[in-house]
């Protein structure tokens, strides 16, 4: 059974746990840091404050319900028309890695 760790997502924490426990670990991003990261990313690509709030409402609902793949698909491929296409491509590239 994998070890589940709830953290802020820092790579140093993930590395330390991986080195300490050689078995498979699962890192779960805590809600505060997940929501902060999502707000930061949507702010970079949303064209207006109203659009940002609308997108966040939908995405937060999906994530709260555990519909991660739905939130990813909605955010990246369907509904968001980016203000900054370069930033949007960087985010899309990060998602695919």
PDB file of N, CA and C in Angstrom:
ATOM      1  N   UNK A   1       0.839  -1.176   0.000  1.00  0.00           N
ATOM      2  CA  UNK A   1       0.000   0.000   0.000  1.00  0.00           C
ATOM      3  C   UNK A   1       0.888   1.244   0.000  1.00  0.00           C
ATOM      4  N   UNK A   2       0.599   2.216  -0.856  1.00  0.00           N
ATOM      5  CA  UNK A   2       1.448   3.415  -0.893  1.00  0.00           C
ATOM      6  C   UNK A   2       1.250   4.305   0.334  1.00  0.00           C
ATOM      7  N   UNK A   3       2.286   5.025   0.664  1.00  0.00           N
ATOM      8  CA  UNK A   3       2.240   5.997   1.743  1.00  0.00           C
ATOM      9  C   UNK A   3       1.649   7.286   1.172  1.00  0.00           C
ATOM     10  N   UNK A   4       0.625   7.846   1.809  1.00  0.00           N
ATOM     11  CA  UNK A   4      -0.028   9.061   1.344  1.00  0.00           C
ATOM     12  C   UNK A   4       0.435  10.226   2.207  1.00  0.00           C
ATOM     13  N   UNK A   5       0.917  11.269   1.546  1.00  0.00           N
ATOM     14  CA  UNK A   5       1.436  12.448   2.232  1.00  0.00           C
ATOM     15  C   UNK A   5       0.640  13.662   1.767  1.00  0.00           C
ATOM     16  N   UNK A   6       0.116  14.443   2.694  1.00  0.00           N
ATOM     17  CA  UNK A   6      -0.567  15.689   2.376  1.00  0.00           C
ATOM     18  C   UNK A   6       0.427  16.805   2.656  1.00  0.00           C
ATOM     19  N   UNK A   7       0.735  17.597   1.612  1.00  0.00           N
ATOM     20  CA  UNK A   7       1.731  18.656   1.787  1.00  0.00           C
ATOM     21  C   UNK A   7       1.409  19.852   0.910  1.00  0.00           C
ATOM     22  N   UNK A   8       2.317  20.820   0.933  1.00  0.00           N
ATOM     23  CA  UNK A   8       2.143  22.023   0.119  1.00  0.00           C
ATOM     24  C   UNK A   8       2.679  21.845  -1.299  1.00  0.00           C
ATOM     25  N   UNK A   9       3.171  20.659  -1.618  1.00  0.00           N
ATOM     26  CA  UNK A   9       3.620  20.371  -2.973  1.00  0.00           C
ATOM     27  C   UNK A   9       5.067  20.708  -3.258  1.00  0.00           C
ATOM     28  N   UNK A  10       5.809  21.153  -2.260  1.00  0.00           N
ATOM     29  CA  UNK A  10       7.216  21.511  -2.478  1.00  0.00           C
ATOM     30  C   UNK A  10       8.006  20.283  -2.918  1.00  0.00           C
ATOM     31  N   UNK A  11       8.820  20.462  -3.944  1.00  0.00           N
ATOM     32  CA  UNK A  11       9.597  19.331  -4.465  1.00  0.00           C
ATOM     33  C   UNK A  11      10.586  18.809  -3.421  1.00  0.00           C
ATOM     34  N   UNK A  12      11.076  19.685  -2.551  1.00  0.00           N
ATOM     35  CA  UNK A  12      12.018  19.235  -1.518  1.00  0.00           C
ATOM     36  C   UNK A  12      11.346  18.261  -0.535  1.00  0.00           C
ATOM     37  N   UNK A  13      10.073  18.493  -0.242  1.00  0.00           N
ATOM     38  CA  UNK A  13       9.344  17.586   0.648  1.00  0.00           C
ATOM     39  C   UNK A  13       9.153  16.244  -0.028  1.00  0.00           C
ATOM     40  N   UNK A  14       8.736  16.282  -1.280  1.00  0.00           N
ATOM     41  CA  UNK A  14       8.539  15.040  -2.033  1.00  0.00           C
ATOM     42  C   UNK A  14       9.849  14.252  -2.116  1.00  0.00           C
ATOM     43  N   UNK A  15      10.950  14.952  -2.375  1.00  0.00           N
ATOM     44  CA  UNK A  15      12.259  14.294  -2.489  1.00  0.00           C
ATOM     45  C   UNK A  15      12.660  13.654  -1.160  1.00  0.00           C
ATOM     46  N   UNK A  16      12.464  14.382  -0.060  1.00  0.00           N
ATOM     47  CA  UNK A  16      12.835  13.867   1.257  1.00  0.00           C
ATOM     48  C   UNK A  16      12.040  12.606   1.598  1.00  0.00           C
ATOM     49  N   UNK A  17      10.737  12.615   1.334  1.00  0.00           N
ATOM     50  CA  UNK A  17       9.914  11.440   1.614  1.00  0.00           C
ATOM     51  C   UNK A  17      10.310  10.265   0.726  1.00  0.00           C
ATOM     52  N   UNK A  18      10.618  10.537  -0.529  1.00  0.00           N
ATOM     53  CA  UNK A  18      11.027   9.476  -1.448  1.00  0.00           C
ATOM     54  C   UNK A  18      12.338   8.850  -0.996  1.00  0.00           C
ATOM     55  N   UNK A  19      13.269   9.672  -0.529  1.00  0.00           N
ATOM     56  CA  UNK A  19      14.543   9.146  -0.049  1.00  0.00           C
ATOM     57  C   UNK A  19      14.380   8.358   1.250  1.00  0.00           C
ATOM     58  N   UNK A  20      13.467   8.799   2.106  1.00  0.00           N
ATOM     59  CA  UNK A  20      13.255   8.143   3.390  1.00  0.00           C
ATOM     60  C   UNK A  20      12.535   6.808   3.237  1.00  0.00           C
ATOM     61  N   UNK A  21      11.524   6.793   2.371  1.00  0.00           N
ATOM     62  CA  UNK A  21      10.734   5.577   2.157  1.00  0.00           C
ATOM     63  C   UNK A  21      10.914   5.141   0.708  1.00  0.00           C
ATOM     64  N   UNK A  22      11.547   4.013   0.506  1.00  0.00           N
ATOM     65  CA  UNK A  22      11.841   3.568  -0.849  1.00  0.00           C
ATOM     66  C   UNK A  22      10.592   3.113  -1.591  1.00  0.00           C
ATOM     67  N   UNK A  23       9.513   2.814  -0.863  1.00  0.00           N
ATOM     68  CA  UNK A  23       8.295   2.358  -1.521  1.00  0.00           C
ATOM     69  C   UNK A  23       7.562   3.519  -2.195  1.00  0.00           C
ATOM     70  N   UNK A  24       6.550   3.174  -2.931  1.00  0.00           N
ATOM     71  CA  UNK A  24       5.733   4.160  -3.651  1.00  0.00           C
ATOM     72  C   UNK A  24       5.071   5.125  -2.668  1.00  0.00           C
ATOM     73  N   UNK A  25       5.145   6.427  -2.958  1.00  0.00           N
ATOM     74  CA  UNK A  25       4.435   7.406  -2.142  1.00  0.00           C
ATOM     75  C   UNK A  25       3.467   8.173  -3.043  1.00  0.00           C
ATOM     76  N   UNK A  26       2.398   8.651  -2.447  1.00  0.00           N
ATOM     77  CA  UNK A  26       1.418   9.476  -3.135  1.00  0.00           C
ATOM     78  C   UNK A  26       1.373  10.799  -2.395  1.00  0.00           C
ATOM     79  N   UNK A  27       1.607  11.894  -3.107  1.00  0.00           N
ATOM     80  CA  UNK A  27       1.569  13.215  -2.493  1.00  0.00           C
ATOM     81  C   UNK A  27       0.257  13.880  -2.885  1.00  0.00           C
ATOM     82  N   UNK A  28      -0.497  14.312  -1.876  1.00  0.00           N
ATOM     83  CA  UNK A  28      -1.760  15.005  -2.081  1.00  0.00           C
ATOM     84  C   UNK A  28      -1.534  16.467  -1.715  1.00  0.00           C
ATOM     85  N   UNK A  29      -1.822  17.347  -2.647  1.00  0.00           N
ATOM     86  CA  UNK A  29      -1.669  18.772  -2.404  1.00  0.00           C
ATOM     87  C   UNK A  29      -2.801  19.244  -1.502  1.00  0.00           C
ATOM     88  N   UNK A  30      -2.466  19.950  -0.422  1.00  0.00           N
ATOM     89  CA  UNK A  30      -3.507  20.426   0.484  1.00  0.00           C
ATOM     90  C   UNK A  30      -4.383  21.475  -0.212  1.00  0.00           C
ATOM     91  N   UNK A  31      -5.611  21.615   0.279  1.00  0.00           N
ATOM     92  CA  UNK A  31      -6.611  22.467  -0.375  1.00  0.00           C
ATOM     93  C   UNK A  31      -6.142  23.921  -0.477  1.00  0.00           C
ATOM     94  N   UNK A  32      -5.529  24.453   0.558  1.00  0.00           N
ATOM     95  CA  UNK A  32      -5.068  25.843   0.519  1.00  0.00           C
ATOM     96  C   UNK A  32      -4.104  26.060  -0.646  1.00  0.00           C
ATOM     97  N   UNK A  33      -3.098  25.217  -0.760  1.00  0.00           N
ATOM     98  CA  UNK A  33      -2.095  25.401  -1.804  1.00  0.00           C
ATOM     99  C   UNK A  33      -2.647  25.076  -3.191  1.00  0.00           C
ATOM    100  N   UNK A  34      -3.545  24.116  -3.270  1.00  0.00           N
ATOM    101  CA  UNK A  34      -4.201  23.821  -4.542  1.00  0.00           C
ATOM    102  C   UNK A  34      -5.007  25.025  -5.016  1.00  0.00           C
ATOM    103  N   UNK A  35      -5.802  25.613  -4.129  1.00  0.00           N
ATOM    104  CA  UNK A  35      -6.624  26.760  -4.530  1.00  0.00           C
ATOM    105  C   UNK A  35      -5.761  27.975  -4.867  1.00  0.00           C
ATOM    106  N   UNK A  36      -4.691  28.187  -4.134  1.00  0.00           N
ATOM    107  CA  UNK A  36      -3.779  29.298  -4.417  1.00  0.00           C
ATOM    108  C   UNK A  36      -3.139  29.125  -5.797  1.00  0.00           C
ATOM    109  N   UNK A  37      -2.667  27.921  -6.096  1.00  0.00           N
ATOM    110  CA  UNK A  37      -2.035  27.647  -7.382  1.00  0.00           C
ATOM    111  C   UNK A  37      -3.036  27.828  -8.519  1.00  0.00           C
ATOM    112  N   UNK A  38      -4.248  27.339  -8.339  1.00  0.00           N
ATOM    113  CA  UNK A  38      -5.279  27.480  -9.364  1.00  0.00           C
ATOM    114  C   UNK A  38      -5.613  28.954  -9.598  1.00  0.00           C
ATOM    115  N   UNK A  39      -5.756  29.719  -8.534  1.00  0.00           N
ATOM    116  CA  UNK A  39      -6.034  31.151  -8.676  1.00  0.00           C
ATOM    117  C   UNK A  39      -4.909  31.857  -9.424  1.00  0.00           C
ATOM    118  N   UNK A  40      -3.675  31.524  -9.102  1.00  0.00           N
ATOM    119  CA  UNK A  40      -2.532  32.134  -9.783  1.00  0.00           C
ATOM    120  C   UNK A  40      -2.533  31.804 -11.273  1.00  0.00           C
ATOM    121  N   UNK A  41      -2.793  30.545 -11.608  1.00  0.00           N
ATOM    122  CA  UNK A  41      -2.783  30.133 -13.011  1.00  0.00           C
ATOM    123  C   UNK A  41      -3.925  30.772 -13.796  1.00  0.00           C
ATOM    124  N   UNK A  42      -5.117  30.794 -13.227  1.00  0.00           N
ATOM    125  CA  UNK A  42      -6.258  31.409 -13.918  1.00  0.00           C
ATOM    126  C   UNK A  42      -6.042  32.910 -14.075  1.00  0.00           C
ATOM    127  N   UNK A  43      -5.439  33.554 -13.091  1.00  0.00           N
ATOM    128  CA  UNK A  43      -5.144  34.987 -13.194  1.00  0.00           C
ATOM    129  C   UNK A  43      -4.230  35.270 -14.383  1.00  0.00           C
ATOM    130  N   UNK A  44      -3.301  34.361 -14.653  1.00  0.00           N
ATOM    131  CA  UNK A  44      -2.380  34.564 -15.778  1.00  0.00           C
ATOM    132  C   UNK A  44      -3.060  34.434 -17.136  1.00  0.00           C
ATOM    133  N   UNK A  45      -4.161  33.684 -17.219  1.00  0.00           N
ATOM    134  CA  UNK A  45      -4.739  33.467 -18.541  1.00  0.00           C
ATOM    135  C   UNK A  45      -6.130  34.057 -18.733  1.00  0.00           C
ATOM    136  N   UNK A  46      -6.860  34.348 -17.662  1.00  0.00           N
ATOM    137  CA  UNK A  46      -8.214  34.887 -17.806  1.00  0.00           C
ATOM    138  C   UNK A  46      -8.166  36.302 -18.377  1.00  0.00           C
ATOM    139  N   UNK A  47      -9.154  36.620 -19.210  1.00  0.00           N
ATOM    140  CA  UNK A  47      -9.181  37.936 -19.868  1.00  0.00           C
ATOM    141  C   UNK A  47      -9.789  39.024 -19.004  1.00  0.00           C
ATOM    142  N   UNK A  48     -10.577  38.657 -17.999  1.00  0.00           N
ATOM    143  CA  UNK A  48     -11.199  39.658 -17.133  1.00  0.00           C
ATOM    144  C   UNK A  48     -11.420  39.063 -15.741  1.00  0.00           C
ATOM    145  N   UNK A  49     -11.709  39.954 -14.798  1.00  0.00           N
ATOM    146  CA  UNK A  49     -11.967  39.497 -13.436  1.00  0.00           C
ATOM    147  C   UNK A  49     -13.239  38.640 -13.388  1.00  0.00           C
ATOM    148  N   UNK A  50     -14.253  39.025 -14.151  1.00  0.00           N
ATOM    149  CA  UNK A  50     -15.498  38.261 -14.177  1.00  0.00           C
ATOM    150  C   UNK A  50     -15.265  36.860 -14.732  1.00  0.00           C
ATOM    151  N   UNK A  51     -14.481  36.771 -15.800  1.00  0.00           N
ATOM    152  CA  UNK A  51     -14.173  35.460 -16.364  1.00  0.00           C
ATOM    153  C   UNK A  51     -13.384  34.616 -15.361  1.00  0.00           C
ATOM    154  N   UNK A  52     -12.439  35.247 -14.686  1.00  0.00           N
ATOM    155  CA  UNK A  52     -11.645  34.546 -13.679  1.00  0.00           C
ATOM    156  C   UNK A  52     -12.552  33.956 -12.606  1.00  0.00           C
ATOM    157  N   UNK A  53     -13.468  34.764 -12.072  1.00  0.00           N
ATOM    158  CA  UNK A  53     -14.360  34.292 -11.019  1.00  0.00           C
ATOM    159  C   UNK A  53     -15.266  33.168 -11.515  1.00  0.00           C
ATOM    160  N   UNK A  54     -15.740  33.296 -12.738  1.00  0.00           N
ATOM    161  CA  UNK A  54     -16.601  32.266 -13.316  1.00  0.00           C
ATOM    162  C   UNK A  54     -15.848  30.947 -13.465  1.00  0.00           C
ATOM    163  N   UNK A  55     -14.637  31.010 -13.991  1.00  0.00           N
ATOM    164  CA  UNK A  55     -13.821  29.811 -14.179  1.00  0.00           C
ATOM    165  C   UNK A  55     -13.476  29.174 -12.832  1.00  0.00           C
ATOM    166  N   UNK A  56     -13.101  29.993 -11.870  1.00  0.00           N
ATOM    167  CA  UNK A  56     -12.727  29.467 -10.562  1.00  0.00           C
ATOM    168  C   UNK A  56     -13.902  28.773  -9.879  1.00  0.00           C
ATOM    169  N   UNK A  57     -15.092  29.337 -10.011  1.00  0.00           N
ATOM    170  CA  UNK A  57     -16.268  28.729  -9.387  1.00  0.00           C
ATOM    171  C   UNK A  57     -16.481  27.315  -9.925  1.00  0.00           C
ATOM    172  N   UNK A  58     -16.423  27.168 -11.235  1.00  0.00           N
ATOM    173  CA  UNK A  58     -16.621  25.856 -11.849  1.00  0.00           C
ATOM    174  C   UNK A  58     -15.508  24.903 -11.431  1.00  0.00           C
ATOM    175  N   UNK A  59     -14.265  25.360 -11.521  1.00  0.00           N
ATOM    176  CA  UNK A  59     -13.119  24.498 -11.235  1.00  0.00           C
ATOM    177  C   UNK A  59     -13.048  24.095  -9.760  1.00  0.00           C
ATOM    178  N   UNK A  60     -13.310  25.034  -8.855  1.00  0.00           N
ATOM    179  CA  UNK A  60     -13.293  24.700  -7.433  1.00  0.00           C
ATOM    180  C   UNK A  60     -14.372  23.669  -7.111  1.00  0.00           C
ATOM    181  N   UNK A  61     -15.543  23.806  -7.718  1.00  0.00           N
ATOM    182  CA  UNK A  61     -16.617  22.831  -7.490  1.00  0.00           C
ATOM    183  C   UNK A  61     -16.184  21.447  -7.954  1.00  0.00           C
ATOM    184  N   UNK A  62     -15.628  21.383  -9.161  1.00  0.00           N
ATOM    185  CA  UNK A  62     -15.182  20.090  -9.684  1.00  0.00           C
ATOM    186  C   UNK A  62     -14.098  19.479  -8.808  1.00  0.00           C
ATOM    187  N   UNK A  63     -13.130  20.279  -8.405  1.00  0.00           N
ATOM    188  CA  UNK A  63     -12.044  19.753  -7.577  1.00  0.00           C
ATOM    189  C   UNK A  63     -12.541  19.316  -6.207  1.00  0.00           C
ATOM    190  N   UNK A  64     -13.444  20.094  -5.607  1.00  0.00           N
ATOM    191  CA  UNK A  64     -13.969  19.742  -4.294  1.00  0.00           C
ATOM    192  C   UNK A  64     -14.696  18.401  -4.346  1.00  0.00           C
ATOM    193  N   UNK A  65     -15.325  18.130  -5.483  1.00  0.00           N
ATOM    194  CA  UNK A  65     -16.047  16.864  -5.653  1.00  0.00           C
ATOM    195  C   UNK A  65     -15.140  15.725  -6.105  1.00  0.00           C
ATOM    196  N   UNK A  66     -13.846  16.023  -6.250  1.00  0.00           N
ATOM    197  CA  UNK A  66     -12.891  14.991  -6.638  1.00  0.00           C
ATOM    198  C   UNK A  66     -12.836  14.718  -8.132  1.00  0.00           C
ATOM    199  N   UNK A  67     -13.411  15.585  -8.930  1.00  0.00           N
ATOM    200  CA  UNK A  67     -13.444  15.406 -10.380  1.00  0.00           C
ATOM    201  C   UNK A  67     -12.231  16.086 -11.016  1.00  0.00           C
ATOM    202  N   UNK A  68     -11.061  15.564 -10.697  1.00  0.00           N
ATOM    203  CA  UNK A  68      -9.805  16.187 -11.116  1.00  0.00           C
ATOM    204  C   UNK A  68      -9.658  16.187 -12.632  1.00  0.00           C
ATOM    205  N   UNK A  69      -9.891  15.053 -13.263  1.00  0.00           N
ATOM    206  CA  UNK A  69      -9.724  14.977 -14.714  1.00  0.00           C
ATOM    207  C   UNK A  69     -10.701  15.910 -15.426  1.00  0.00           C
ATOM    208  N   UNK A  70     -11.917  16.009 -14.932  1.00  0.00           N
ATOM    209  CA  UNK A  70     -12.909  16.927 -15.513  1.00  0.00           C
ATOM    210  C   UNK A  70     -12.425  18.368 -15.399  1.00  0.00           C
ATOM    211  N   UNK A  71     -11.875  18.720 -14.232  1.00  0.00           N
ATOM    212  CA  UNK A  71     -11.353  20.077 -14.030  1.00  0.00           C
ATOM    213  C   UNK A  71     -10.187  20.351 -14.969  1.00  0.00           C
ATOM    214  N   UNK A  72      -9.298  19.398 -15.128  1.00  0.00           N
ATOM    215  CA  UNK A  72      -8.165  19.580 -16.039  1.00  0.00           C
ATOM    216  C   UNK A  72      -8.637  19.753 -17.475  1.00  0.00           C
ATOM    217  N   UNK A  73      -9.550  18.922 -17.906  1.00  0.00           N
ATOM    218  CA  UNK A  73     -10.064  19.016 -19.268  1.00  0.00           C
ATOM    219  C   UNK A  73     -10.791  20.330 -19.495  1.00  0.00           C
ATOM    220  N   UNK A  74     -11.592  20.756 -18.564  1.00  0.00           N
ATOM    221  CA  UNK A  74     -12.340  22.009 -18.667  1.00  0.00           C
ATOM    222  C   UNK A  74     -11.386  23.195 -18.771  1.00  0.00           C
ATOM    223  N   UNK A  75     -10.451  23.250 -17.869  1.00  0.00           N
ATOM    224  CA  UNK A  75      -9.533  24.376 -17.776  1.00  0.00           C
ATOM    225  C   UNK A  75      -8.637  24.497 -18.991  1.00  0.00           C
ATOM    226  N   UNK A  76      -8.065  23.415 -19.424  1.00  0.00           N
ATOM    227  CA  UNK A  76      -7.017  23.490 -20.429  1.00  0.00           C
ATOM    228  C   UNK A  76      -7.548  23.382 -21.851  1.00  0.00           C
ATOM    229  N   UNK A  77      -8.527  22.544 -22.106  1.00  0.00           N
ATOM    230  CA  UNK A  77      -8.871  22.276 -23.497  1.00  0.00           C
ATOM    231  C   UNK A  77     -10.209  22.820 -23.969  1.00  0.00           C
ATOM    232  N   UNK A  78     -11.120  23.193 -23.055  1.00  0.00           N
ATOM    233  CA  UNK A  78     -12.452  23.530 -23.524  1.00  0.00           C
ATOM    234  C   UNK A  78     -12.860  24.990 -23.327  1.00  0.00           C
ATOM    235  N   UNK A  79     -12.895  25.440 -22.109  1.00  0.00           N
ATOM    236  CA  UNK A  79     -13.606  26.663 -21.793  1.00  0.00           C
ATOM    237  C   UNK A  79     -12.753  27.933 -21.740  1.00  0.00           C
ATOM    238  N   UNK A  80     -11.501  27.826 -21.436  1.00  0.00           N
ATOM    239  CA  UNK A  80     -10.688  29.016 -21.224  1.00  0.00           C
ATOM    240  C   UNK A  80     -10.125  29.516 -22.548  1.00  0.00           C
ATOM    241  N   UNK A  81     -10.453  30.756 -22.871  1.00  0.00           N
ATOM    242  CA  UNK A  81      -9.839  31.422 -24.016  1.00  0.00           C
ATOM    243  C   UNK A  81      -8.786  32.343 -23.410  1.00  0.00           C
ATOM    244  N   UNK A  82      -7.513  32.021 -23.579  1.00  0.00           N
ATOM    245  CA  UNK A  82      -6.473  32.712 -22.820  1.00  0.00           C
ATOM    246  C   UNK A  82      -6.226  34.148 -23.259  1.00  0.00           C
ATOM    247  N   UNK A  83      -5.929  34.957 -22.279  1.00  0.00           N
ATOM    248  CA  UNK A  83      -5.488  36.326 -22.525  1.00  0.00           C
ATOM    249  C   UNK A  83      -4.068  36.293 -23.072  1.00  0.00           C
ATOM    250  N   UNK A  84      -3.264  35.399 -22.552  1.00  0.00           N
ATOM    251  CA  UNK A  84      -1.871  35.271 -22.954  1.00  0.00           C
ATOM    252  C   UNK A  84      -1.645  33.844 -23.455  1.00  0.00           C
ATOM    253  N   UNK A  85      -1.598  33.677 -24.759  1.00  0.00           N
ATOM    254  CA  UNK A  85      -1.485  32.333 -25.343  1.00  0.00           C
ATOM    255  C   UNK A  85      -0.164  31.654 -24.987  1.00  0.00           C
ATOM    256  N   UNK A  86       0.908  32.402 -24.828  1.00  0.00           N
ATOM    257  CA  UNK A  86       2.203  31.812 -24.467  1.00  0.00           C
ATOM    258  C   UNK A  86       2.120  31.205 -23.064  1.00  0.00           C
ATOM    259  N   UNK A  87       1.566  31.958 -22.121  1.00  0.00           N
ATOM    260  CA  UNK A  87       1.400  31.443 -20.760  1.00  0.00           C
ATOM    261  C   UNK A  87       0.502  30.216 -20.767  1.00  0.00           C
ATOM    262  N   UNK A  88      -0.561  30.271 -21.549  1.00  0.00           N
ATOM    263  CA  UNK A  88      -1.473  29.130 -21.644  1.00  0.00           C
ATOM    264  C   UNK A  88      -0.744  27.905 -22.166  1.00  0.00           C
ATOM    265  N   UNK A  89       0.120  28.060 -23.155  1.00  0.00           N
ATOM    266  CA  UNK A  89       0.882  26.932 -23.690  1.00  0.00           C
ATOM    267  C   UNK A  89       1.862  26.388 -22.652  1.00  0.00           C
ATOM    268  N   UNK A  90       2.456  27.261 -21.858  1.00  0.00           N
ATOM    269  CA  UNK A  90       3.363  26.815 -20.790  1.00  0.00           C
ATOM    270  C   UNK A  90       2.590  25.971 -19.782  1.00  0.00           C
ATOM    271  N   UNK A  91       1.395  26.439 -19.398  1.00  0.00           N
ATOM    272  CA  UNK A  91       0.572  25.682 -18.452  1.00  0.00           C
ATOM    273  C   UNK A  91       0.169  24.348 -19.056  1.00  0.00           C
ATOM    274  N   UNK A  92      -0.222  24.354 -20.315  1.00  0.00           N
ATOM    275  CA  UNK A  92      -0.595  23.119 -20.989  1.00  0.00           C
ATOM    276  C   UNK A  92       0.597  22.162 -21.042  1.00  0.00           C
ATOM    277  N   UNK A  93       1.775  22.689 -21.321  1.00  0.00           N
ATOM    278  CA  UNK A  93       2.975  21.856 -21.341  1.00  0.00           C
ATOM    279  C   UNK A  93       3.266  21.252 -19.997  1.00  0.00           C
ATOM    280  N   UNK A  94       3.079  22.014 -18.910  1.00  0.00           N
ATOM    281  CA  UNK A  94       3.286  21.501 -17.550  1.00  0.00           C
ATOM    282  C   UNK A  94       2.292  20.400 -17.223  1.00  0.00           C
ATOM    283  N   UNK A  95       1.109  20.488 -17.737  1.00  0.00           N
ATOM    284  CA  UNK A  95       0.083  19.483 -17.449  1.00  0.00           C
ATOM    285  C   UNK A  95       0.434  18.162 -18.108  1.00  0.00           C
ATOM    286  N   UNK A  96       1.019  18.211 -19.286  1.00  0.00           N
ATOM    287  CA  UNK A  96       1.303  16.992 -20.040  1.00  0.00           C
ATOM    288  C   UNK A  96       2.548  16.277 -19.551  1.00  0.00           C
ATOM    289  N   UNK A  97       3.367  16.911 -18.710  1.00  0.00           N
ATOM    290  CA  UNK A  97       4.581  16.248 -18.213  1.00  0.00           C
ATOM    291  C   UNK A  97       4.306  15.473 -16.974  1.00  0.00           C
TER     292      UNK A  97
END
